[in-house]
Structures are given as C-alpha cells and as structure tokens.
Amino acid sequence: QVQLVESGGGLVQAGGSLRLSCAASGSVPSINVMGWYRQAPGKQRELVATVNSGGFTNYLDSVKGRFTISRENAKNTVDLQMNSLKPEDTATYYCHAKTTYDYWGQGTQVTVSS
C-alpha cells in the first residue's frame, strides 16, 4: 500500500507560478513511476508529467517548457513546478504512484484566472 499526500495549488493569475508537492508513504521502495495528472470539469483525466525511478521524465506537450517535475527518492517526494500558467491549466491535479498497482492522491485544485 502507498499513501500519497499532496500540497500546494490554489488561485493564481495567468503568467504566474505554483508548486505542487506530493509525499509518499507506505511501501515506497516498490514505487517505479511517480507523476501528476489533472482533470478539468467535463474532461478526462490526463497525464501532465511523470518521472521514473531512473529520473527519466515525460511531459504533456502543452506543458513542455513551462512545467518541471522533480523527484527526491530519499524523501519520497515528487514536486511539480508550474510556471507561465494559463487559464487552460485550471484543473484538479492528482499525484500518482505506480507499483504493481496505481495509487492516487486526493487531488488539489489549481485555478488560473485570465
């Protein structure tokens, strides 16, 4: 079992920045990939960024160059630095961890005003 606790998020104007953090506990040595997904109202959940245990990262095309994912294995944390935010980034952001199973955080709201 893996538990994920998110922090960060909030309301920001377009062009601003936010940082999301996620702390994992439980069976953390079994985690391979950690990442962030988001879901806007009426839309499907989509992958924003992931990082595997080797440090390889993957990003949604629309956030490349604006968002940076970082993982600190010693602290079992994964952060998402979001810069140059746009109104279309508005969504609930979920931390994700993958072992044999998928684990999700409770979600944190990010709202970008125009």
PDB file of N, CA and C in Angstrom:
ATOM      1  N   GLN A   1       0.844  -1.185   0.000  1.00  0.00           N
ATOM      2  CA  GLN A   1       0.000   0.000   0.000  1.00  0.00           C
ATOM      3  C   GLN A   1       0.887   1.245   0.000  1.00  0.00           C
ATOM      4  N   VAL A   2       0.445   2.222  -0.742  1.00  0.00           N
ATOM      5  CA  VAL A   2       1.133   3.515  -0.815  1.00  0.00           C
ATOM      6  C   VAL A   2       0.115   4.604  -0.534  1.00  0.00           C
ATOM      7  N   GLN A   3       0.488   5.534   0.314  1.00  0.00           N
ATOM      8  CA  GLN A   3      -0.361   6.682   0.591  1.00  0.00           C
ATOM      9  C   GLN A   3       0.327   7.927   0.013  1.00  0.00           C
ATOM     10  N   LEU A   4      -0.478   8.779  -0.598  1.00  0.00           N
ATOM     11  CA  LEU A   4       0.036   9.990  -1.238  1.00  0.00           C
ATOM     12  C   LEU A   4      -0.679  11.203  -0.658  1.00  0.00           C
ATOM     13  N   VAL A   5       0.089  12.175  -0.217  1.00  0.00           N
ATOM     14  CA  VAL A   5      -0.472  13.402   0.345  1.00  0.00           C
ATOM     15  C   VAL A   5       0.064  14.586  -0.450  1.00  0.00           C
ATOM     16  N   GLU A   6      -0.856  15.341  -1.009  1.00  0.00           N
ATOM     17  CA  GLU A   6      -0.491  16.477  -1.859  1.00  0.00           C
ATOM     18  C   GLU A   6      -0.576  17.780  -1.080  1.00  0.00           C
ATOM     19  N   SER A   7       0.186  18.750  -1.527  1.00  0.00           N
ATOM     20  CA  SER A   7       0.095  20.110  -1.005  1.00  0.00           C
ATOM     21  C   SER A   7       0.422  21.072  -2.133  1.00  0.00           C
ATOM     22  N   GLY A   8       0.039  22.305  -1.920  1.00  0.00           N
ATOM     23  CA  GLY A   8       0.220  23.310  -2.965  1.00  0.00           C
ATOM     24  C   GLY A   8      -1.090  23.561  -3.676  1.00  0.00           C
ATOM     25  N   GLY A   9      -1.034  24.161  -4.815  1.00  0.00           N
ATOM     26  CA  GLY A   9      -2.242  24.507  -5.545  1.00  0.00           C
ATOM     27  C   GLY A   9      -2.785  25.831  -5.065  1.00  0.00           C
ATOM     28  N   GLY A  10      -3.898  26.239  -5.657  1.00  0.00           N
ATOM     29  CA  GLY A  10      -4.511  27.500  -5.287  1.00  0.00           C
ATOM     30  C   GLY A  10      -4.918  28.309  -6.487  1.00  0.00           C
ATOM     31  N   LEU A  11      -5.107  29.592  -6.247  1.00  0.00           N
ATOM     32  CA  LEU A  11      -5.551  30.527  -7.293  1.00  0.00           C
ATOM     33  C   LEU A  11      -4.394  31.429  -7.683  1.00  0.00           C
ATOM     34  N   VAL A  12      -4.172  31.578  -8.975  1.00  0.00           N
ATOM     35  CA  VAL A  12      -3.082  32.417  -9.470  1.00  0.00           C
ATOM     36  C   VAL A  12      -3.518  33.075 -10.764  1.00  0.00           C
ATOM     37  N   GLN A  13      -2.969  34.222 -11.050  1.00  0.00           N
ATOM     38  CA  GLN A  13      -3.262  34.897 -12.312  1.00  0.00           C
ATOM     39  C   GLN A  13      -2.453  34.277 -13.442  1.00  0.00           C
ATOM     40  N   ALA A  14      -2.958  34.424 -14.644  1.00  0.00           N
ATOM     41  CA  ALA A  14      -2.243  33.922 -15.814  1.00  0.00           C
ATOM     42  C   ALA A  14      -0.835  34.504 -15.853  1.00  0.00           C
ATOM     43  N   GLY A  15       0.119  33.650 -16.165  1.00  0.00           N
ATOM     44  CA  GLY A  15       1.513  34.049 -16.175  1.00  0.00           C
ATOM     45  C   GLY A  15       2.234  33.779 -14.879  1.00  0.00           C
ATOM     46  N   GLY A  16       1.484  33.460 -13.851  1.00  0.00           N
ATOM     47  CA  GLY A  16       2.070  33.198 -12.542  1.00  0.00           C
ATOM     48  C   GLY A  16       2.595  31.785 -12.401  1.00  0.00           C
ATOM     49  N   SER A  17       3.037  31.475 -11.181  1.00  0.00           N
ATOM     50  CA  SER A  17       3.638  30.177 -10.893  1.00  0.00           C
ATOM     51  C   SER A  17       3.023  29.556  -9.652  1.00  0.00           C
ATOM     52  N   LEU A  18       3.036  28.245  -9.629  1.00  0.00           N
ATOM     53  CA  LEU A  18       2.641  27.472  -8.461  1.00  0.00           C
ATOM     54  C   LEU A  18       3.532  26.244  -8.380  1.00  0.00           C
ATOM     55  N   ARG A  19       3.639  25.718  -7.182  1.00  0.00           N
ATOM     56  CA  ARG A  19       4.405  24.488  -6.979  1.00  0.00           C
ATOM     57  C   ARG A  19       3.551  23.492  -6.226  1.00  0.00           C
ATOM     58  N   LEU A  20       3.422  22.300  -6.780  1.00  0.00           N
ATOM     59  CA  LEU A  20       2.704  21.215  -6.135  1.00  0.00           C
ATOM     60  C   LEU A  20       3.720  20.235  -5.562  1.00  0.00           C
ATOM     61  N   SER A  21       3.399  19.711  -4.398  1.00  0.00           N
ATOM     62  CA  SER A  21       4.263  18.717  -3.769  1.00  0.00           C
ATOM     63  C   SER A  21       3.438  17.498  -3.392  1.00  0.00           C
ATOM     64  N   CYS A  22       4.074  16.341  -3.438  1.00  0.00           N
ATOM     65  CA  CYS A  22       3.411  15.090  -3.082  1.00  0.00           C
ATOM     66  C   CYS A  22       4.393  14.246  -2.280  1.00  0.00           C
ATOM     67  N   ALA A  23       3.944  13.803  -1.116  1.00  0.00           N
ATOM     68  CA  ALA A  23       4.764  12.946  -0.264  1.00  0.00           C
ATOM     69  C   ALA A  23       4.164  11.554  -0.218  1.00  0.00           C
ATOM     70  N   ALA A  24       4.989  10.559  -0.457  1.00  0.00           N
ATOM     71  CA  ALA A  24       4.554   9.171  -0.439  1.00  0.00           C
ATOM     72  C   ALA A  24       4.991   8.499   0.851  1.00  0.00           C
ATOM     73  N   SER A  25       4.152   7.617   1.334  1.00  0.00           N
ATOM     74  CA  SER A  25       4.479   6.802   2.499  1.00  0.00           C
ATOM     75  C   SER A  25       3.942   5.406   2.292  1.00  0.00           C
ATOM     76  N   GLY A  26       4.387   4.487   3.120  1.00  0.00           N
ATOM     77  CA  GLY A  26       3.972   3.095   2.973  1.00  0.00           C
ATOM     78  C   GLY A  26       5.021   2.309   2.220  1.00  0.00           C
ATOM     79  N   SER A  27       4.611   1.547   1.257  1.00  0.00           N
ATOM     80  CA  SER A  27       5.519   0.666   0.506  1.00  0.00           C
ATOM     81  C   SER A  27       6.257   1.435  -0.582  1.00  0.00           C
ATOM     82  N   VAL A  28       6.978   2.471  -0.175  1.00  0.00           N
ATOM     83  CA  VAL A  28       7.594   3.363  -1.168  1.00  0.00           C
ATOM     84  C   VAL A  28       8.712   2.719  -1.980  1.00  0.00           C
ATOM     85  N   PRO A  29       9.487   1.767  -1.432  1.00  0.00           N
ATOM     86  CA  PRO A  29      10.537   1.154  -2.273  1.00  0.00           C
ATOM     87  C   PRO A  29       9.986   0.456  -3.507  1.00  0.00           C
ATOM     88  N   SER A  30       8.702   0.140  -3.496  1.00  0.00           N
ATOM     89  CA  SER A  30       8.122  -0.555  -4.643  1.00  0.00           C
ATOM     90  C   SER A  30       7.647   0.392  -5.728  1.00  0.00           C
ATOM     91  N   ILE A  31       7.755   1.694  -5.474  1.00  0.00           N
ATOM     92  CA  ILE A  31       7.278   2.665  -6.460  1.00  0.00           C
ATOM     93  C   ILE A  31       8.257   2.760  -7.621  1.00  0.00           C
ATOM     94  N   ASN A  32       7.736   2.650  -8.817  1.00  0.00           N
ATOM     95  CA  ASN A  32       8.547   2.839 -10.014  1.00  0.00           C
ATOM     96  C   ASN A  32       8.348   4.250 -10.559  1.00  0.00           C
ATOM     97  N   VAL A  33       7.152   4.524 -11.010  1.00  0.00           N
ATOM     98  CA  VAL A  33       6.869   5.819 -11.614  1.00  0.00           C
ATOM     99  C   VAL A  33       6.028   6.669 -10.664  1.00  0.00           C
ATOM    100  N   MET A  34       6.371   7.942 -10.571  1.00  0.00           N
ATOM    101  CA  MET A  34       5.539   8.921  -9.877  1.00  0.00           C
ATOM    102  C   MET A  34       5.231  10.040 -10.849  1.00  0.00           C
ATOM    103  N   GLY A  35       4.108  10.682 -10.625  1.00  0.00           N
ATOM    104  CA  GLY A  35       3.776  11.753 -11.546  1.00  0.00           C
ATOM    105  C   GLY A  35       2.555  12.539 -11.135  1.00  0.00           C
ATOM    106  N   TRP A  36       2.158  13.393 -12.033  1.00  0.00           N
ATOM    107  CA  TRP A  36       0.992  14.251 -11.829  1.00  0.00           C
ATOM    108  C   TRP A  36       0.048  14.130 -13.024  1.00  0.00           C
ATOM    109  N   TYR A  37      -1.224  14.030 -12.715  1.00  0.00           N
ATOM    110  CA  TYR A  37      -2.294  14.044 -13.698  1.00  0.00           C
ATOM    111  C   TYR A  37      -3.213  15.211 -13.347  1.00  0.00           C
ATOM    112  N   ARG A  38      -4.071  15.566 -14.298  1.00  0.00           N
ATOM    113  CA  ARG A  38      -5.048  16.607 -14.000  1.00  0.00           C
ATOM    114  C   ARG A  38      -6.367  16.290 -14.684  1.00  0.00           C
ATOM    115  N   GLN A  39      -7.419  16.844 -14.110  1.00  0.00           N
ATOM    116  CA  GLN A  39      -8.761  16.650 -14.672  1.00  0.00           C
ATOM    117  C   GLN A  39      -9.543  17.932 -14.534  1.00  0.00           C
ATOM    118  N   ALA A  40      -9.937  18.476 -15.670  1.00  0.00           N
ATOM    119  CA  ALA A  40     -10.777  19.661 -15.699  1.00  0.00           C
ATOM    120  C   ALA A  40     -12.239  19.223 -15.766  1.00  0.00           C
ATOM    121  N   PRO A  41     -13.160  20.077 -15.336  1.00  0.00           N
ATOM    122  CA  PRO A  41     -14.581  19.718 -15.373  1.00  0.00           C
ATOM    123  C   PRO A  41     -15.020  19.305 -16.772  1.00  0.00           C
ATOM    124  N   GLY A  42     -15.682  18.178 -16.866  1.00  0.00           N
ATOM    125  CA  GLY A  42     -16.187  17.704 -18.144  1.00  0.00           C
ATOM    126  C   GLY A  42     -15.165  17.071 -19.049  1.00  0.00           C
ATOM    127  N   LYS A  43     -13.942  16.935 -18.561  1.00  0.00           N
ATOM    128  CA  LYS A  43     -12.879  16.350 -19.385  1.00  0.00           C
ATOM    129  C   LYS A  43     -12.296  15.112 -18.707  1.00  0.00           C
ATOM    130  N   GLN A  44     -11.613  14.315 -19.503  1.00  0.00           N
ATOM    131  CA  GLN A  44     -10.960  13.129 -18.959  1.00  0.00           C
ATOM    132  C   GLN A  44      -9.670  13.515 -18.229  1.00  0.00           C
ATOM    133  N   ARG A  45      -9.304  12.660 -17.298  1.00  0.00           N
ATOM    134  CA  ARG A  45      -8.041  12.864 -16.597  1.00  0.00           C
ATOM    135  C   ARG A  45      -6.899  12.657 -17.594  1.00  0.00           C
ATOM    136  N   GLU A  46      -5.900  13.538 -17.543  1.00  0.00           N
ATOM    137  CA  GLU A  46      -4.783  13.437 -18.468  1.00  0.00           C
ATOM    138  C   GLU A  46      -3.452  13.511 -17.733  1.00  0.00           C
ATOM    139  N   LEU A  47      -2.475  12.840 -18.324  1.00  0.00           N
ATOM    140  CA  LEU A  47      -1.130  12.845 -17.771  1.00  0.00           C
ATOM    141  C   LEU A  47      -0.504  14.219 -17.987  1.00  0.00           C
ATOM    142  N   VAL A  48       0.081  14.767 -16.932  1.00  0.00           N
ATOM    143  CA  VAL A  48       0.771  16.045 -17.038  1.00  0.00           C
ATOM    144  C   VAL A  48       2.282  15.813 -17.117  1.00  0.00           C
ATOM    145  N   ALA A  49       2.805  15.052 -16.154  1.00  0.00           N
ATOM    146  CA  ALA A  49       4.236  14.776 -16.139  1.00  0.00           C
ATOM    147  C   ALA A  49       4.508  13.558 -15.266  1.00  0.00           C
ATOM    148  N   THR A  50       5.485  12.768 -15.660  1.00  0.00           N
ATOM    149  CA  THR A  50       5.894  11.619 -14.867  1.00  0.00           C
ATOM    150  C   THR A  50       7.421  11.560 -14.796  1.00  0.00           C
ATOM    151  N   VAL A  51       7.893  10.871 -13.772  1.00  0.00           N
ATOM    152  CA  VAL A  51       9.324  10.624 -13.617  1.00  0.00           C
ATOM    153  C   VAL A  51       9.486   9.220 -13.056  1.00  0.00           C
ATOM    154  N   ASN A  52      10.371   8.441 -13.659  1.00  0.00           N
ATOM    155  CA  ASN A  52      10.548   7.085 -13.146  1.00  0.00           C
ATOM    156  C   ASN A  52      11.708   7.041 -12.158  1.00  0.00           C
ATOM    157  N   SER A  53      11.962   5.875 -11.632  1.00  0.00           N
ATOM    158  CA  SER A  53      12.977   5.738 -10.593  1.00  0.00           C
ATOM    159  C   SER A  53      14.372   6.064 -11.113  1.00  0.00           C
ATOM    160  N   GLY A  54      14.556   6.017 -12.420  1.00  0.00           N
ATOM    161  CA  GLY A  54      15.847   6.364 -13.004  1.00  0.00           C
ATOM    162  C   GLY A  54      15.984   7.829 -13.367  1.00  0.00           C
ATOM    163  N   GLY A  55      14.912   8.588 -13.137  1.00  0.00           N
ATOM    164  CA  GLY A  55      14.964  10.020 -13.420  1.00  0.00           C
ATOM    165  C   GLY A  55      14.479  10.411 -14.796  1.00  0.00           C
ATOM    166  N   PHE A  56      14.019   9.439 -15.572  1.00  0.00           N
ATOM    167  CA  PHE A  56      13.507   9.760 -16.903  1.00  0.00           C
ATOM    168  C   PHE A  56      12.154  10.446 -16.765  1.00  0.00           C
ATOM    169  N   THR A  57      11.985  11.572 -17.468  1.00  0.00           N
ATOM    170  CA  THR A  57      10.753  12.348 -17.366  1.00  0.00           C
ATOM    171  C   THR A  57       9.956  12.316 -18.660  1.00  0.00           C
ATOM    172  N   ASN A  58       8.665  12.551 -18.504  1.00  0.00           N
ATOM    173  CA  ASN A  58       7.756  12.606 -19.638  1.00  0.00           C
ATOM    174  C   ASN A  58       6.746  13.703 -19.360  1.00  0.00           C
ATOM    175  N   TYR A  59       6.437  14.517 -20.386  1.00  0.00           N
ATOM    176  CA  TYR A  59       5.538  15.648 -20.197  1.00  0.00           C
ATOM    177  C   TYR A  59       4.435  15.674 -21.248  1.00  0.00           C
ATOM    178  N   LEU A  60       3.293  16.185 -20.853  1.00  0.00           N
ATOM    179  CA  LEU A  60       2.233  16.553 -21.784  1.00  0.00           C
ATOM    180  C   LEU A  60       2.789  17.652 -22.687  1.00  0.00           C
ATOM    181  N   ASP A  61       2.519  17.565 -23.965  1.00  0.00           N
ATOM    182  CA  ASP A  61       3.094  18.530 -24.910  1.00  0.00           C
ATOM    183  C   ASP A  61       2.790  19.973 -24.520  1.00  0.00           C
ATOM    184  N   SER A  62       1.585  20.210 -24.063  1.00  0.00           N
ATOM    185  CA  SER A  62       1.173  21.593 -23.801  1.00  0.00           C
ATOM    186  C   SER A  62       1.839  22.215 -22.575  1.00  0.00           C
ATOM    187  N   VAL A  63       2.535  21.416 -21.768  1.00  0.00           N
ATOM    188  CA  VAL A  63       3.206  21.965 -20.582  1.00  0.00           C
ATOM    189  C   VAL A  63       4.723  21.957 -20.728  1.00  0.00           C
ATOM    190  N   LYS A  64       5.215  21.377 -21.802  1.00  0.00           N
ATOM    191  CA  LYS A  64       6.667  21.337 -22.001  1.00  0.00           C
ATOM    192  C   LYS A  64       7.235  22.752 -22.034  1.00  0.00           C
ATOM    193  N   GLY A  65       8.331  22.943 -21.308  1.00  0.00           N
ATOM    194  CA  GLY A  65       8.960  24.254 -21.237  1.00  0.00           C
ATOM    195  C   GLY A  65       8.375  25.149 -20.170  1.00  0.00           C
ATOM    196  N   ARG A  66       7.238  24.767 -19.610  1.00  0.00           N
ATOM    197  CA  ARG A  66       6.604  25.558 -18.550  1.00  0.00           C
ATOM    198  C   ARG A  66       6.584  24.828 -17.202  1.00  0.00           C
ATOM    199  N   PHE A  67       6.405  23.531 -17.236  1.00  0.00           N
ATOM    200  CA  PHE A  67       6.318  22.717 -16.018  1.00  0.00           C
ATOM    201  C   PHE A  67       7.589  21.876 -15.878  1.00  0.00           C
ATOM    202  N   THR A  68       8.003  21.674 -14.648  1.00  0.00           N
ATOM    203  CA  THR A  68       9.147  20.810 -14.362  1.00  0.00           C
ATOM    204  C   THR A  68       8.806  19.873 -13.222  1.00  0.00           C
ATOM    205  N   ILE A  69       8.974  18.588 -13.472  1.00  0.00           N
ATOM    206  CA  ILE A  69       8.741  17.592 -12.432  1.00  0.00           C
ATOM    207  C   ILE A  69      10.087  17.204 -11.827  1.00  0.00           C
ATOM    208  N   SER A  70      10.091  17.027 -10.519  1.00  0.00           N
ATOM    209  CA  SER A  70      11.313  16.613  -9.833  1.00  0.00           C
ATOM    210  C   SER A  70      10.964  15.600  -8.761  1.00  0.00           C
ATOM    211  N   ARG A  71      11.861  14.673  -8.571  1.00  0.00           N
ATOM    212  CA  ARG A  71      11.614  13.590  -7.617  1.00  0.00           C
ATOM    213  C   ARG A  71      12.824  13.464  -6.706  1.00  0.00           C
ATOM    214  N   GLU A  72      12.565  13.361  -5.423  1.00  0.00           N
ATOM    215  CA  GLU A  72      13.627  13.162  -4.456  1.00  0.00           C
ATOM    216  C   GLU A  72      13.386  11.833  -3.771  1.00  0.00           C
ATOM    217  N   ASN A  73      14.110  10.830  -4.194  1.00  0.00           N
ATOM    218  CA  ASN A  73      13.875   9.475  -3.691  1.00  0.00           C
ATOM    219  C   ASN A  73      14.132   9.355  -2.189  1.00  0.00           C
ATOM    220  N   ALA A  74      15.106  10.074  -1.685  1.00  0.00           N
ATOM    221  CA  ALA A  74      15.433   9.982  -0.265  1.00  0.00           C
ATOM    222  C   ALA A  74      14.289  10.468   0.619  1.00  0.00           C
ATOM    223  N   LYS A  75      13.515  11.410   0.081  1.00  0.00           N
ATOM    224  CA  LYS A  75      12.390  11.964   0.847  1.00  0.00           C
ATOM    225  C   LYS A  75      11.053  11.416   0.376  1.00  0.00           C
ATOM    226  N   ASN A  76      11.087  10.590  -0.669  1.00  0.00           N
ATOM    227  CA  ASN A  76       9.852  10.017  -1.220  1.00  0.00           C
ATOM    228  C   ASN A  76       8.861  11.097  -1.627  1.00  0.00           C
ATOM    229  N   THR A  77       9.378  12.099  -2.299  1.00  0.00           N
ATOM    230  CA  THR A  77       8.531  13.202  -2.735  1.00  0.00           C
ATOM    231  C   THR A  77       8.663  13.427  -4.240  1.00  0.00           C
ATOM    232  N   VAL A  78       7.610  13.982  -4.795  1.00  0.00           N
ATOM    233  CA  VAL A  78       7.642  14.407  -6.182  1.00  0.00           C
ATOM    234  C   VAL A  78       6.964  15.770  -6.265  1.00  0.00           C
ATOM    235  N   ASP A  79       7.626  16.718  -6.889  1.00  0.00           N
ATOM    236  CA  ASP A  79       7.123  18.066  -6.995  1.00  0.00           C
ATOM    237  C   ASP A  79       6.846  18.415  -8.456  1.00  0.00           C
ATOM    238  N   LEU A  80       5.946  19.365  -8.640  1.00  0.00           N
ATOM    239  CA  LEU A  80       5.666  19.885  -9.973  1.00  0.00           C
ATOM    240  C   LEU A  80       5.736  21.403  -9.899  1.00  0.00           C
ATOM    241  N   GLN A  81       6.765  21.972 -10.499  1.00  0.00           N
ATOM    242  CA  GLN A  81       6.891  23.416 -10.591  1.00  0.00           C
ATOM    243  C   GLN A  81       6.183  23.872 -11.859  1.00  0.00           C
ATOM    244  N   MET A  82       5.208  24.748 -11.699  1.00  0.00           N
ATOM    245  CA  MET A  82       4.407  25.196 -12.824  1.00  0.00           C
ATOM    246  C   MET A  82       4.620  26.696 -13.028  1.00  0.00           C
ATOM    247  N   ASN A  83       5.193  27.046 -14.151  1.00  0.00           N
ATOM    248  CA  ASN A  83       5.451  28.445 -14.489  1.00  0.00           C
ATOM    249  C   ASN A  83       4.626  28.850 -15.706  1.00  0.00           C
ATOM    250  N   SER A  84       4.511  30.145 -15.909  1.00  0.00           N
ATOM    251  CA  SER A  84       3.774  30.677 -17.064  1.00  0.00           C
ATOM    252  C   SER A  84       2.402  30.024 -17.183  1.00  0.00           C
ATOM    253  N   LEU A  85       1.694  29.965 -16.085  1.00  0.00           N
ATOM    254  CA  LEU A  85       0.405  29.277 -16.063  1.00  0.00           C
ATOM    255  C   LEU A  85      -0.611  29.975 -16.954  1.00  0.00           C
ATOM    256  N   LYS A  86      -1.472  29.170 -17.544  1.00  0.00           N
ATOM    257  CA  LYS A  86      -2.514  29.645 -18.450  1.00  0.00           C
ATOM    258  C   LYS A  86      -3.877  29.244 -17.898  1.00  0.00           C
ATOM    259  N   PRO A  87      -4.928  29.952 -18.270  1.00  0.00           N
ATOM    260  CA  PRO A  87      -6.273  29.562 -17.803  1.00  0.00           C
ATOM    261  C   PRO A  87      -6.609  28.108 -18.140  1.00  0.00           C
ATOM    262  N   GLU A  88      -6.118  27.614 -19.246  1.00  0.00           N
ATOM    263  CA  GLU A  88      -6.406  26.228 -19.623  1.00  0.00           C
ATOM    264  C   GLU A  88      -5.687  25.200 -18.749  1.00  0.00           C
ATOM    265  N   ASP A  89      -4.812  25.658 -17.867  1.00  0.00           N
ATOM    266  CA  ASP A  89      -4.192  24.755 -16.897  1.00  0.00           C
ATOM    267  C   ASP A  89      -5.087  24.521 -15.684  1.00  0.00           C
ATOM    268  N   THR A  90      -6.181  25.248 -15.617  1.00  0.00           N
ATOM    269  CA  THR A  90      -7.114  25.101 -14.496  1.00  0.00           C
ATOM    270  C   THR A  90      -7.669  23.677 -14.450  1.00  0.00           C
ATOM    271  N   ALA A  91      -7.521  23.027 -13.309  1.00  0.00           N
ATOM    272  CA  ALA A  91      -7.949  21.643 -13.152  1.00  0.00           C
ATOM    273  C   ALA A  91      -7.676  21.198 -11.722  1.00  0.00           C
ATOM    274  N   THR A  92      -8.184  20.014 -11.402  1.00  0.00           N
ATOM    275  CA  THR A  92      -7.755  19.340 -10.179  1.00  0.00           C
ATOM    276  C   THR A  92      -6.557  18.480 -10.537  1.00  0.00           C
ATOM    277  N   TYR A  93      -5.488  18.648  -9.794  1.00  0.00           N
ATOM    278  CA  TYR A  93      -4.236  17.924 -10.061  1.00  0.00           C
ATOM    279  C   TYR A  93      -4.092  16.783  -9.051  1.00  0.00           C
ATOM    280  N   TYR A  94      -3.746  15.618  -9.580  1.00  0.00           N
ATOM    281  CA  TYR A  94      -3.639  14.413  -8.763  1.00  0.00           C
ATOM    282  C   TYR A  94      -2.216  13.855  -8.825  1.00  0.00           C
ATOM    283  N   CYS A  95      -1.686  13.539  -7.670  1.00  0.00           N
ATOM    284  CA  CYS A  95      -0.419  12.831  -7.595  1.00  0.00           C
ATOM    285  C   CYS A  95      -0.681  11.354  -7.866  1.00  0.00           C
ATOM    286  N   HIS A  96       0.242  10.707  -8.543  1.00  0.00           N
ATOM    287  CA  HIS A  96       0.091   9.305  -8.909  1.00  0.00           C
ATOM    288  C   HIS A  96       1.393   8.560  -8.636  1.00  0.00           C
ATOM    289  N   ALA A  97       1.253   7.348  -8.160  1.00  0.00           N
ATOM    290  CA  ALA A  97       2.396   6.459  -7.963  1.00  0.00           C
ATOM    291  C   ALA A  97       2.038   5.086  -8.499  1.00  0.00           C
ATOM    292  N   LYS A  98       2.988   4.496  -9.178  1.00  0.00           N
ATOM    293  CA  LYS A  98       2.732   3.184  -9.786  1.00  0.00           C
ATOM    294  C   LYS A  98       3.700   2.151  -9.242  1.00  0.00           C
ATOM    295  N   THR A  99       3.125   1.094  -8.690  1.00  0.00           N
ATOM    296  CA  THR A  99       3.876  -0.100  -8.348  1.00  0.00           C
ATOM    297  C   THR A  99       3.279  -1.195  -9.222  1.00  0.00           C
ATOM    298  N   THR A 100       2.910  -2.301  -8.647  1.00  0.00           N
ATOM    299  CA  THR A 100       2.091  -3.248  -9.385  1.00  0.00           C
ATOM    300  C   THR A 100       0.689  -2.663  -9.566  1.00  0.00           C
ATOM    301  N   TYR A 101       0.363  -1.765  -8.688  1.00  0.00           N
ATOM    302  CA  TYR A 101      -0.941  -1.110  -8.689  1.00  0.00           C
ATOM    303  C   TYR A 101      -0.762   0.394  -8.908  1.00  0.00           C
ATOM    304  N   ASP A 102      -1.892   1.054  -9.128  1.00  0.00           N
ATOM    305  CA  ASP A 102      -1.905   2.510  -9.255  1.00  0.00           C
ATOM    306  C   ASP A 102      -2.461   3.126  -7.976  1.00  0.00           C
ATOM    307  N   TYR A 103      -1.785   4.147  -7.490  1.00  0.00           N
ATOM    308  CA  TYR A 103      -2.220   4.865  -6.303  1.00  0.00           C
ATOM    309  C   TYR A 103      -2.391   6.345  -6.645  1.00  0.00           C
ATOM    310  N   TRP A 104      -3.395   6.949  -6.009  1.00  0.00           N
ATOM    311  CA  TRP A 104      -3.727   8.344  -6.300  1.00  0.00           C
ATOM    312  C   TRP A 104      -3.828   9.162  -5.019  1.00  0.00           C
ATOM    313  N   GLY A 105      -3.440  10.429  -5.116  1.00  0.00           N
ATOM    314  CA  GLY A 105      -3.699  11.358  -4.044  1.00  0.00           C
ATOM    315  C   GLY A 105      -5.130  11.844  -4.103  1.00  0.00           C
ATOM    316  N   GLN A 106      -5.461  12.711  -3.155  1.00  0.00           N
ATOM    317  CA  GLN A 106      -6.840  13.168  -3.046  1.00  0.00           C
ATOM    318  C   GLN A 106      -7.154  14.280  -4.031  1.00  0.00           C
ATOM    319  N   GLY A 107      -6.140  14.876  -4.621  1.00  0.00           N
ATOM    320  CA  GLY A 107      -6.337  15.950  -5.584  1.00  0.00           C
ATOM    321  C   GLY A 107      -6.202  17.320  -4.947  1.00  0.00           C
ATOM    322  N   THR A 108      -5.663  18.241  -5.709  1.00  0.00           N
ATOM    323  CA  THR A 108      -5.539  19.620  -5.262  1.00  0.00           C
ATOM    324  C   THR A 108      -5.938  20.544  -6.410  1.00  0.00           C
ATOM    325  N   GLN A 109      -6.699  21.567  -6.091  1.00  0.00           N
ATOM    326  CA  GLN A 109      -7.251  22.433  -7.133  1.00  0.00           C
ATOM    327  C   GLN A 109      -6.250  23.505  -7.541  1.00  0.00           C
ATOM    328  N   VAL A 110      -6.106  23.671  -8.842  1.00  0.00           N
ATOM    329  CA  VAL A 110      -5.315  24.762  -9.414  1.00  0.00           C
ATOM    330  C   VAL A 110      -6.248  25.582 -10.292  1.00  0.00           C
ATOM    331  N   THR A 111      -6.362  26.857  -9.991  1.00  0.00           N
ATOM    332  CA  THR A 111      -7.220  27.752 -10.763  1.00  0.00           C
ATOM    333  C   THR A 111      -6.379  28.913 -11.274  1.00  0.00           C
ATOM    334  N   VAL A 112      -6.401  29.104 -12.586  1.00  0.00           N
ATOM    335  CA  VAL A 112      -5.635  30.180 -13.214  1.00  0.00           C
ATOM    336  C   VAL A 112      -6.623  31.175 -13.814  1.00  0.00           C
ATOM    337  N   SER A 113      -6.600  32.382 -13.316  1.00  0.00           N
ATOM    338  CA  SER A 113      -7.527  33.409 -13.804  1.00  0.00           C
ATOM    339  C   SER A 113      -6.879  34.196 -14.941  1.00  0.00           C
ATOM    340  N   SER A 114      -7.733  34.641 -15.848  1.00  0.00           N
ATOM    341  CA  SER A 114      -7.231  35.391 -17.022  1.00  0.00           C
ATOM    342  C   SER A 114      -7.156  36.876 -16.740  1.00  0.00           C
TER     343      SER A 114
END
